[in-house]
PDB file of N, CA and C in Angstrom:
ATOM      1  N   MET A   1       0.827  -1.207   0.000  1.00  0.00           N
ATOM      2  CA  MET A   1       0.000   0.000   0.000  1.00  0.00           C
ATOM      3  C   MET A   1       0.864   1.261   0.000  1.00  0.00           C
ATOM      4  N   SER A   2       1.863   1.335   0.871  1.00  0.00           N
ATOM      5  CA  SER A   2       2.682   2.550   0.931  1.00  0.00           C
ATOM      6  C   SER A   2       3.450   2.761  -0.369  1.00  0.00           C
ATOM      7  N   GLY A   3       3.797   1.673  -1.076  1.00  0.00           N
ATOM      8  CA  GLY A   3       4.453   1.790  -2.366  1.00  0.00           C
ATOM      9  C   GLY A   3       3.575   2.473  -3.387  1.00  0.00           C
ATOM     10  N   HIS A   4       2.276   2.167  -3.332  1.00  0.00           N
ATOM     11  CA  HIS A   4       1.325   2.804  -4.252  1.00  0.00           C
ATOM     12  C   HIS A   4       1.219   4.297  -3.972  1.00  0.00           C
ATOM     13  N   ILE A   5       1.193   4.645  -2.705  1.00  0.00           N
ATOM     14  CA  ILE A   5       1.101   6.058  -2.329  1.00  0.00           C
ATOM     15  C   ILE A   5       2.350   6.806  -2.796  1.00  0.00           C
ATOM     16  N   LEU A   6       3.517   6.185  -2.643  1.00  0.00           N
ATOM     17  CA  LEU A   6       4.763   6.795  -3.088  1.00  0.00           C
ATOM     18  C   LEU A   6       4.747   7.031  -4.594  1.00  0.00           C
ATOM     19  N   ILE A   7       4.300   6.061  -5.346  1.00  0.00           N
ATOM     20  CA  ILE A   7       4.249   6.189  -6.803  1.00  0.00           C
ATOM     21  C   ILE A   7       3.260   7.274  -7.219  1.00  0.00           C
ATOM     22  N   ILE A   8       2.101   7.317  -6.572  1.00  0.00           N
ATOM     23  CA  ILE A   8       1.099   8.350  -6.876  1.00  0.00           C
ATOM     24  C   ILE A   8       1.654   9.734  -6.561  1.00  0.00           C
ATOM     25  N   TYR A   9       2.308   9.866  -5.377  1.00  0.00           N
ATOM     26  CA  TYR A   9       2.919  11.150  -5.007  1.00  0.00           C
ATOM     27  C   TYR A   9       3.956  11.558  -6.054  1.00  0.00           C
ATOM     28  N   TYR A  10       4.821  10.611  -6.417  1.00  0.00           N
ATOM     29  CA  TYR A  10       5.885  10.895  -7.368  1.00  0.00           C
ATOM     30  C   TYR A  10       5.315  11.350  -8.713  1.00  0.00           C
ATOM     31  N   LEU A  11       4.287  10.687  -9.192  1.00  0.00           N
ATOM     32  CA  LEU A  11       3.665  11.077 -10.461  1.00  0.00           C
ATOM     33  C   LEU A  11       3.047  12.472 -10.378  1.00  0.00           C
ATOM     34  N   ILE A  12       2.306  12.727  -9.307  1.00  0.00           N
ATOM     35  CA  ILE A  12       1.633  14.024  -9.153  1.00  0.00           C
ATOM     36  C   ILE A  12       2.649  15.155  -9.034  1.00  0.00           C
ATOM     37  N   ILE A  13       3.676  14.974  -8.196  1.00  0.00           N
ATOM     38  CA  ILE A  13       4.647  16.055  -7.989  1.00  0.00           C
ATOM     39  C   ILE A  13       5.451  16.313  -9.255  1.00  0.00           C
ATOM     40  N   ASN A  14       5.700  15.279 -10.048  1.00  0.00           N
ATOM     41  CA  ASN A  14       6.430  15.492 -11.296  1.00  0.00           C
ATOM     42  C   ASN A  14       5.581  16.186 -12.346  1.00  0.00           C
ATOM     43  N   ILE A  15       4.306  15.878 -12.399  1.00  0.00           N
ATOM     44  CA  ILE A  15       3.402  16.583 -13.312  1.00  0.00           C
ATOM     45  C   ILE A  15       3.317  18.052 -12.910  1.00  0.00           C
ATOM     46  N   LEU A  16       3.164  18.307 -11.619  1.00  0.00           N
ATOM     47  CA  LEU A  16       3.094  19.694 -11.136  1.00  0.00           C
ATOM     48  C   LEU A  16       4.401  20.438 -11.401  1.00  0.00           C
ATOM     49  N   SER A  17       5.510  19.771 -11.192  1.00  0.00           N
ATOM     50  CA  SER A  17       6.810  20.397 -11.447  1.00  0.00           C
ATOM     51  C   SER A  17       6.940  20.783 -12.911  1.00  0.00           C
ATOM     52  N   PHE A  18       6.568  19.875 -13.807  1.00  0.00           N
ATOM     53  CA  PHE A  18       6.631  20.174 -15.241  1.00  0.00           C
ATOM     54  C   PHE A  18       5.733  21.363 -15.576  1.00  0.00           C
ATOM     55  N   ILE A  19       4.557  21.405 -14.993  1.00  0.00           N
ATOM     56  CA  ILE A  19       3.629  22.520 -15.234  1.00  0.00           C
ATOM     57  C   ILE A  19       4.229  23.833 -14.745  1.00  0.00           C
ATOM     58  N   ILE A  20       4.826  23.829 -13.557  1.00  0.00           N
ATOM     59  CA  ILE A  20       5.442  25.039 -13.004  1.00  0.00           C
ATOM     60  C   ILE A  20       6.561  25.533 -13.920  1.00  0.00           C
ATOM     61  N   TRP A  21       7.394  24.608 -14.375  1.00  0.00           N
ATOM     62  CA  TRP A  21       8.476  24.983 -15.286  1.00  0.00           C
ATOM     63  C   TRP A  21       7.912  25.515 -16.604  1.00  0.00           C
ATOM     64  N   GLY A  22       6.826  24.923 -17.075  1.00  0.00           N
ATOM     65  CA  GLY A  22       6.184  25.394 -18.297  1.00  0.00           C
ATOM     66  C   GLY A  22       5.598  26.786 -18.148  1.00  0.00           C
ATOM     67  N   ILE A  23       4.980  27.035 -17.009  1.00  0.00           N
ATOM     68  CA  ILE A  23       4.418  28.372 -16.746  1.00  0.00           C
ATOM     69  C   ILE A  23       5.539  29.405 -16.726  1.00  0.00           C
ATOM     70  N   ASP A  24       6.658  29.069 -16.063  1.00  0.00           N
ATOM     71  CA  ASP A  24       7.767  30.013 -16.009  1.00  0.00           C
ATOM     72  C   ASP A  24       8.351  30.273 -17.400  1.00  0.00           C
ATOM     73  N   LYS A  25       8.439  29.235 -18.211  1.00  0.00           N
ATOM     74  CA  LYS A  25       8.942  29.404 -19.579  1.00  0.00           C
ATOM     75  C   LYS A  25       8.020  30.330 -20.374  1.00  0.00           C
ATOM     76  N   ARG A  26       6.720  30.111 -20.222  1.00  0.00           N
ATOM     77  CA  ARG A  26       5.757  30.969 -20.934  1.00  0.00           C
ATOM     78  C   ARG A  26       5.869  32.415 -20.464  1.00  0.00           C
ATOM     79  N   ARG A  27       5.974  32.600 -19.149  1.00  0.00           N
ATOM     80  CA  ARG A  27       6.114  33.959 -18.614  1.00  0.00           C
ATOM     81  C   ARG A  27       7.400  34.614 -19.108  1.00  0.00           C
ATOM     82  N   ALA A  28       8.452  33.835 -19.249  1.00  0.00           N
ATOM     83  CA  ALA A  28       9.718  34.383 -19.745  1.00  0.00           C
ATOM     84  C   ALA A  28       9.556  34.879 -21.180  1.00  0.00           C
ATOM     85  N   ARG A  29       8.874  34.093 -21.988  1.00  0.00           N
ATOM     86  CA  ARG A  29       8.656  34.498 -23.383  1.00  0.00           C
ATOM     87  C   ARG A  29       7.806  35.755 -23.486  1.00  0.00           C
ATOM     88  N   LEU A  30       6.834  35.888 -22.587  1.00  0.00           N
ATOM     89  CA  LEU A  30       5.919  37.032 -22.625  1.00  0.00           C
ATOM     90  C   LEU A  30       6.409  38.227 -21.814  1.00  0.00           C
ATOM     91  N   HIS A  31       7.584  38.079 -21.188  1.00  0.00           N
ATOM     92  CA  HIS A  31       8.167  39.133 -20.348  1.00  0.00           C
ATOM     93  C   HIS A  31       7.270  39.478 -19.167  1.00  0.00           C
ATOM     94  N   TYR A  32       6.606  38.465 -18.604  1.00  0.00           N
ATOM     95  CA  TYR A  32       5.773  38.645 -17.421  1.00  0.00           C
ATOM     96  C   TYR A  32       6.586  38.360 -16.173  1.00  0.00           C
ATOM     97  N   TYR A  33       5.945  38.605 -15.018  1.00  0.00           N
ATOM     98  CA  TYR A  33       6.553  38.292 -13.734  1.00  0.00           C
ATOM     99  C   TYR A  33       6.881  36.807 -13.685  1.00  0.00           C
ATOM    100  N   ARG A  34       8.119  36.479 -13.306  1.00  0.00           N
ATOM    101  CA  ARG A  34       8.608  35.099 -13.348  1.00  0.00           C
ATOM    102  C   ARG A  34       8.420  34.382 -12.019  1.00  0.00           C
ATOM    103  N   ILE A  35       8.401  33.084 -12.091  1.00  0.00           N
ATOM    104  CA  ILE A  35       8.399  32.237 -10.898  1.00  0.00           C
ATOM    105  C   ILE A  35       9.832  32.247 -10.363  1.00  0.00           C
ATOM    106  N   PRO A  36      10.025  32.521  -9.075  1.00  0.00           N
ATOM    107  CA  PRO A  36      11.397  32.563  -8.533  1.00  0.00           C
ATOM    108  C   PRO A  36      12.125  31.229  -8.730  1.00  0.00           C
ATOM    109  N   GLU A  37      13.438  31.322  -8.964  1.00  0.00           N
ATOM    110  CA  GLU A  37      14.228  30.114  -9.166  1.00  0.00           C
ATOM    111  C   GLU A  37      14.178  29.194  -7.956  1.00  0.00           C
ATOM    112  N   LYS A  38      14.055  29.765  -6.754  1.00  0.00           N
ATOM    113  CA  LYS A  38      13.989  28.906  -5.570  1.00  0.00           C
ATOM    114  C   LYS A  38      12.727  28.037  -5.588  1.00  0.00           C
ATOM    115  N   VAL A  39      11.653  28.515  -6.197  1.00  0.00           N
ATOM    116  CA  VAL A  39      10.430  27.710  -6.335  1.00  0.00           C
ATOM    117  C   VAL A  39      10.665  26.585  -7.344  1.00  0.00           C
ATOM    118  N   LEU A  40      11.369  26.889  -8.426  1.00  0.00           N
ATOM    119  CA  LEU A  40      11.697  25.854  -9.406  1.00  0.00           C
ATOM    120  C   LEU A  40      12.580  24.780  -8.766  1.00  0.00           C
ATOM    121  N   PHE A  41      13.590  25.201  -8.016  1.00  0.00           N
ATOM    122  CA  PHE A  41      14.438  24.242  -7.301  1.00  0.00           C
ATOM    123  C   PHE A  41      13.633  23.450  -6.280  1.00  0.00           C
ATOM    124  N   LEU A  42      12.746  24.114  -5.561  1.00  0.00           N
ATOM    125  CA  LEU A  42      11.933  23.433  -4.551  1.00  0.00           C
ATOM    126  C   LEU A  42      11.053  22.365  -5.193  1.00  0.00           C
ATOM    127  N   SER A  43      10.476  22.678  -6.336  1.00  0.00           N
ATOM    128  CA  SER A  43       9.635  21.692  -7.019  1.00  0.00           C
ATOM    129  C   SER A  43      10.446  20.455  -7.392  1.00  0.00           C
ATOM    130  N   ALA A  44      11.692  20.656  -7.765  1.00  0.00           N
ATOM    131  CA  ALA A  44      12.567  19.520  -8.091  1.00  0.00           C
ATOM    132  C   ALA A  44      12.992  18.786  -6.824  1.00  0.00           C
ATOM    133  N   PHE A  45      13.291  19.525  -5.783  1.00  0.00           N
ATOM    134  CA  PHE A  45      13.806  18.942  -4.540  1.00  0.00           C
ATOM    135  C   PHE A  45      12.788  18.064  -3.826  1.00  0.00           C
ATOM    136  N   ILE A  46      11.521  18.437  -3.853  1.00  0.00           N
ATOM    137  CA  ILE A  46      10.503  17.681  -3.106  1.00  0.00           C
ATOM    138  C   ILE A  46       9.981  16.470  -3.870  1.00  0.00           C
ATOM    139  N   GLY A  47      10.668  16.103  -4.931  1.00  0.00           N
ATOM    140  CA  GLY A  47      10.292  14.898  -5.660  1.00  0.00           C
ATOM    141  C   GLY A  47      10.000  15.118  -7.127  1.00  0.00           C
ATOM    142  N   GLY A  48      10.009  16.353  -7.562  1.00  0.00           N
ATOM    143  CA  GLY A  48       9.650  16.652  -8.946  1.00  0.00           C
ATOM    144  C   GLY A  48      10.820  16.835  -9.882  1.00  0.00           C
ATOM    145  N   ALA A  49      11.943  16.217  -9.573  1.00  0.00           N
ATOM    146  CA  ALA A  49      13.127  16.381 -10.423  1.00  0.00           C
ATOM    147  C   ALA A  49      12.896  15.817 -11.826  1.00  0.00           C
ATOM    148  N   GLY A  50      12.107  14.760 -11.932  1.00  0.00           N
ATOM    149  CA  GLY A  50      11.807  14.199 -13.249  1.00  0.00           C
ATOM    150  C   GLY A  50      11.035  15.185 -14.108  1.00  0.00           C
ATOM    151  N   GLY A  51      10.033  15.822 -13.533  1.00  0.00           N
ATOM    152  CA  GLY A  51       9.262  16.835 -14.248  1.00  0.00           C
ATOM    153  C   GLY A  51      10.104  18.048 -14.583  1.00  0.00           C
ATOM    154  N   ALA A  52      10.978  18.432 -13.655  1.00  0.00           N
ATOM    155  CA  ALA A  52      11.872  19.564 -13.897  1.00  0.00           C
ATOM    156  C   ALA A  52      12.843  19.242 -15.028  1.00  0.00           C
ATOM    157  N   PHE A  53      13.420  18.037 -14.997  1.00  0.00           N
ATOM    158  CA  PHE A  53      14.355  17.636 -16.038  1.00  0.00           C
ATOM    159  C   PHE A  53      13.656  17.560 -17.395  1.00  0.00           C
ATOM    160  N   LEU A  54      12.451  17.024 -17.391  1.00  0.00           N
ATOM    161  CA  LEU A  54      11.671  16.968 -18.626  1.00  0.00           C
ATOM    162  C   LEU A  54      11.382  18.384 -19.141  1.00  0.00           C
ATOM    163  N   GLY A  55      11.095  19.298 -18.215  1.00  0.00           N
ATOM    164  CA  GLY A  55      10.878  20.697 -18.594  1.00  0.00           C
ATOM    165  C   GLY A  55      12.126  21.319 -19.196  1.00  0.00           C
ATOM    166  N   MET A  56      13.283  20.951 -18.652  1.00  0.00           N
ATOM    167  CA  MET A  56      14.531  21.460 -19.207  1.00  0.00           C
ATOM    168  C   MET A  56      14.730  20.956 -20.634  1.00  0.00           C
ATOM    169  N   ILE A  57      14.427  19.689 -20.867  1.00  0.00           N
ATOM    170  CA  ILE A  57      14.667  19.081 -22.178  1.00  0.00           C
ATOM    171  C   ILE A  57      13.584  19.482 -23.186  1.00  0.00           C
ATOM    172  N   VAL A  58      12.329  19.241 -22.838  1.00  0.00           N
ATOM    173  CA  VAL A  58      11.222  19.475 -23.772  1.00  0.00           C
ATOM    174  C   VAL A  58      10.986  20.964 -24.027  1.00  0.00           C
ATOM    175  N   LEU A  59      10.973  21.739 -22.952  1.00  0.00           N
ATOM    176  CA  LEU A  59      10.673  23.168 -23.077  1.00  0.00           C
ATOM    177  C   LEU A  59      11.921  24.017 -23.321  1.00  0.00           C
ATOM    178  N   ARG A  60      13.083  23.384 -23.229  1.00  0.00           N
ATOM    179  CA  ARG A  60      14.373  24.081 -23.321  1.00  0.00           C
ATOM    180  C   ARG A  60      14.408  25.267 -22.363  1.00  0.00           C
ATOM    181  N   HIS A  61      14.097  24.966 -21.109  1.00  0.00           N
ATOM    182  CA  HIS A  61      14.020  26.004 -20.086  1.00  0.00           C
ATOM    183  C   HIS A  61      15.151  25.837 -19.081  1.00  0.00           C
ATOM    184  N   LYS A  62      15.845  26.904 -18.800  1.00  0.00           N
ATOM    185  CA  LYS A  62      16.959  26.962 -17.856  1.00  0.00           C
ATOM    186  C   LYS A  62      18.140  26.118 -18.317  1.00  0.00           C
ATOM    187  N   THR A  63      18.260  25.907 -19.616  1.00  0.00           N
ATOM    188  CA  THR A  63      19.332  25.065 -20.128  1.00  0.00           C
ATOM    189  C   THR A  63      20.682  25.780 -20.187  1.00  0.00           C
ATOM    190  N   LYS A  64      20.687  27.082 -20.080  1.00  0.00           N
ATOM    191  CA  LYS A  64      21.947  27.831 -20.120  1.00  0.00           C
ATOM    192  C   LYS A  64      22.516  28.076 -18.729  1.00  0.00           C
ATOM    193  N   HIS A  65      21.814  27.616 -17.705  1.00  0.00           N
ATOM    194  CA  HIS A  65      22.242  27.837 -16.327  1.00  0.00           C
ATOM    195  C   HIS A  65      22.909  26.569 -15.781  1.00  0.00           C
ATOM    196  N   PHE A  66      24.199  26.649 -15.513  1.00  0.00           N
ATOM    197  CA  PHE A  66      24.945  25.486 -15.045  1.00  0.00           C
ATOM    198  C   PHE A  66      24.355  24.917 -13.758  1.00  0.00           C
ATOM    199  N   ILE A  67      23.915  25.763 -12.861  1.00  0.00           N
ATOM    200  CA  ILE A  67      23.402  25.287 -11.567  1.00  0.00           C
ATOM    201  C   ILE A  67      22.215  24.346 -11.766  1.00  0.00           C
ATOM    202  N   PHE A  68      21.386  24.605 -12.748  1.00  0.00           N
ATOM    203  CA  PHE A  68      20.256  23.719 -13.018  1.00  0.00           C
ATOM    204  C   PHE A  68      20.734  22.411 -13.637  1.00  0.00           C
ATOM    205  N   TRP A  69      21.706  22.485 -14.569  1.00  0.00           N
ATOM    206  CA  TRP A  69      22.240  21.264 -15.197  1.00  0.00           C
ATOM    207  C   TRP A  69      22.985  20.413 -14.185  1.00  0.00           C
ATOM    208  N   ALA A  70      23.563  21.036 -13.172  1.00  0.00           N
ATOM    209  CA  ALA A  70      24.298  20.281 -12.156  1.00  0.00           C
ATOM    210  C   ALA A  70      23.362  19.701 -11.101  1.00  0.00           C
ATOM    211  N   THR A  71      22.302  20.397 -10.791  1.00  0.00           N
ATOM    212  CA  THR A  71      21.446  20.019  -9.671  1.00  0.00           C
ATOM    213  C   THR A  71      20.289  19.104 -10.059  1.00  0.00           C
ATOM    214  N   VAL A  72      19.531  19.453 -11.066  1.00  0.00           N
ATOM    215  CA  VAL A  72      18.312  18.713 -11.401  1.00  0.00           C
ATOM    216  C   VAL A  72      18.590  17.252 -11.769  1.00  0.00           C
ATOM    217  N   PRO A  73      19.550  16.952 -12.648  1.00  0.00           N
ATOM    218  CA  PRO A  73      19.810  15.534 -12.941  1.00  0.00           C
ATOM    219  C   PRO A  73      20.298  14.757 -11.712  1.00  0.00           C
ATOM    220  N   LEU A  74      21.093  15.409 -10.866  1.00  0.00           N
ATOM    221  CA  LEU A  74      21.562  14.757  -9.637  1.00  0.00           C
ATOM    222  C   LEU A  74      20.389  14.436  -8.715  1.00  0.00           C
ATOM    223  N   LEU A  75      19.488  15.387  -8.551  1.00  0.00           N
ATOM    224  CA  LEU A  75      18.294  15.146  -7.747  1.00  0.00           C
ATOM    225  C   LEU A  75      17.456  14.011  -8.326  1.00  0.00           C
ATOM    226  N   LEU A  76      17.337  13.971  -9.637  1.00  0.00           N
ATOM    227  CA  LEU A  76      16.577  12.916 -10.300  1.00  0.00           C
ATOM    228  C   LEU A  76      17.180  11.544 -10.000  1.00  0.00           C
ATOM    229  N   LEU A  77      18.498  11.425 -10.103  1.00  0.00           N
ATOM    230  CA  LEU A  77      19.159  10.154  -9.806  1.00  0.00           C
ATOM    231  C   LEU A  77      18.964   9.742  -8.351  1.00  0.00           C
ATOM    232  N   ILE A  78      19.078  10.700  -7.448  1.00  0.00           N
ATOM    233  CA  ILE A  78      18.876  10.417  -6.026  1.00  0.00           C
ATOM    234  C   ILE A  78      17.446   9.964  -5.777  1.00  0.00           C
ATOM    235  N   GLN A  79      16.476  10.679  -6.331  1.00  0.00           N
ATOM    236  CA  GLN A  79      15.072  10.344  -6.110  1.00  0.00           C
ATOM    237  C   GLN A  79      14.723   8.977  -6.682  1.00  0.00           C
ATOM    238  N   LEU A  80      15.218   8.677  -7.873  1.00  0.00           N
ATOM    239  CA  LEU A  80      14.947   7.358  -8.455  1.00  0.00           C
ATOM    240  C   LEU A  80      15.602   6.252  -7.639  1.00  0.00           C
ATOM    241  N   SER A  81      16.799   6.509  -7.130  1.00  0.00           N
ATOM    242  CA  SER A  81      17.476   5.523  -6.287  1.00  0.00           C
ATOM    243  C   SER A  81      16.701   5.256  -5.005  1.00  0.00           C
ATOM    244  N   VAL A  82      16.199   6.308  -4.395  1.00  0.00           N
ATOM    245  CA  VAL A  82      15.416   6.159  -3.158  1.00  0.00           C
ATOM    246  C   VAL A  82      14.140   5.375  -3.437  1.00  0.00           C
ATOM    247  N   ILE A  83      13.464   5.679  -4.529  1.00  0.00           N
ATOM    248  CA  ILE A  83      12.225   4.982  -4.870  1.00  0.00           C
ATOM    249  C   ILE A  83      12.491   3.501  -5.103  1.00  0.00           C
ATOM    250  N   VAL A  84      13.541   3.198  -5.855  1.00  0.00           N
ATOM    251  CA  VAL A  84      13.873   1.790  -6.108  1.00  0.00           C
ATOM    252  C   VAL A  84      14.203   1.085  -4.796  1.00  0.00           C
ATOM    253  N   PHE A  85      14.963   1.748  -3.928  1.00  0.00           N
ATOM    254  CA  PHE A  85      15.319   1.168  -2.636  1.00  0.00           C
ATOM    255  C   PHE A  85      14.076   0.893  -1.785  1.00  0.00           C
ATOM    256  N   ILE A  86      13.168   1.834  -1.746  1.00  0.00           N
ATOM    257  CA  ILE A  86      11.952   1.687  -0.932  1.00  0.00           C
ATOM    258  C   ILE A  86      11.042   0.594  -1.489  1.00  0.00           C
ATOM    259  N   LEU A  87      10.923   0.526  -2.791  1.00  0.00           N
ATOM    260  CA  LEU A  87      10.004  -0.430  -3.401  1.00  0.00           C
ATOM    261  C   LEU A  87      10.553  -1.851  -3.455  1.00  0.00           C
ATOM    262  N   LYS A  88      11.852  -2.033  -3.217  1.00  0.00           N
ATOM    263  CA  LYS A  88      12.435  -3.378  -3.234  1.00  0.00           C
ATOM    264  C   LYS A  88      12.002  -4.196  -2.067  1.00  0.00           C
TER     265      LYS A  88
END
C-alpha cells in the first residue's frame, strides 16, 4: 500500500513540477513576472526532479544555467534511487 502512495505522489509532484516549469517558460517568453528560481528548485527537490528535467529538455528552459544542469539531474538520480530502494 505505501508503495502505491509513493508512486502516486511521485507522479503528481512530477506533473506539477513540469507545469510550473512550463508556466515560467511561458512567462519568460511574454516578459511577465517570473516564478522565482527557488520555487523551481523546490519543485525539483521535493520529488519533482523528473518533471523539472523533462521541462529542461522538452521546453528548453533553464538550459543555459549550469546550476540547473548540475542540480536537477543529480536530484533525479537520487530520487529514483530512493524509490527503487523503498520499493524493493
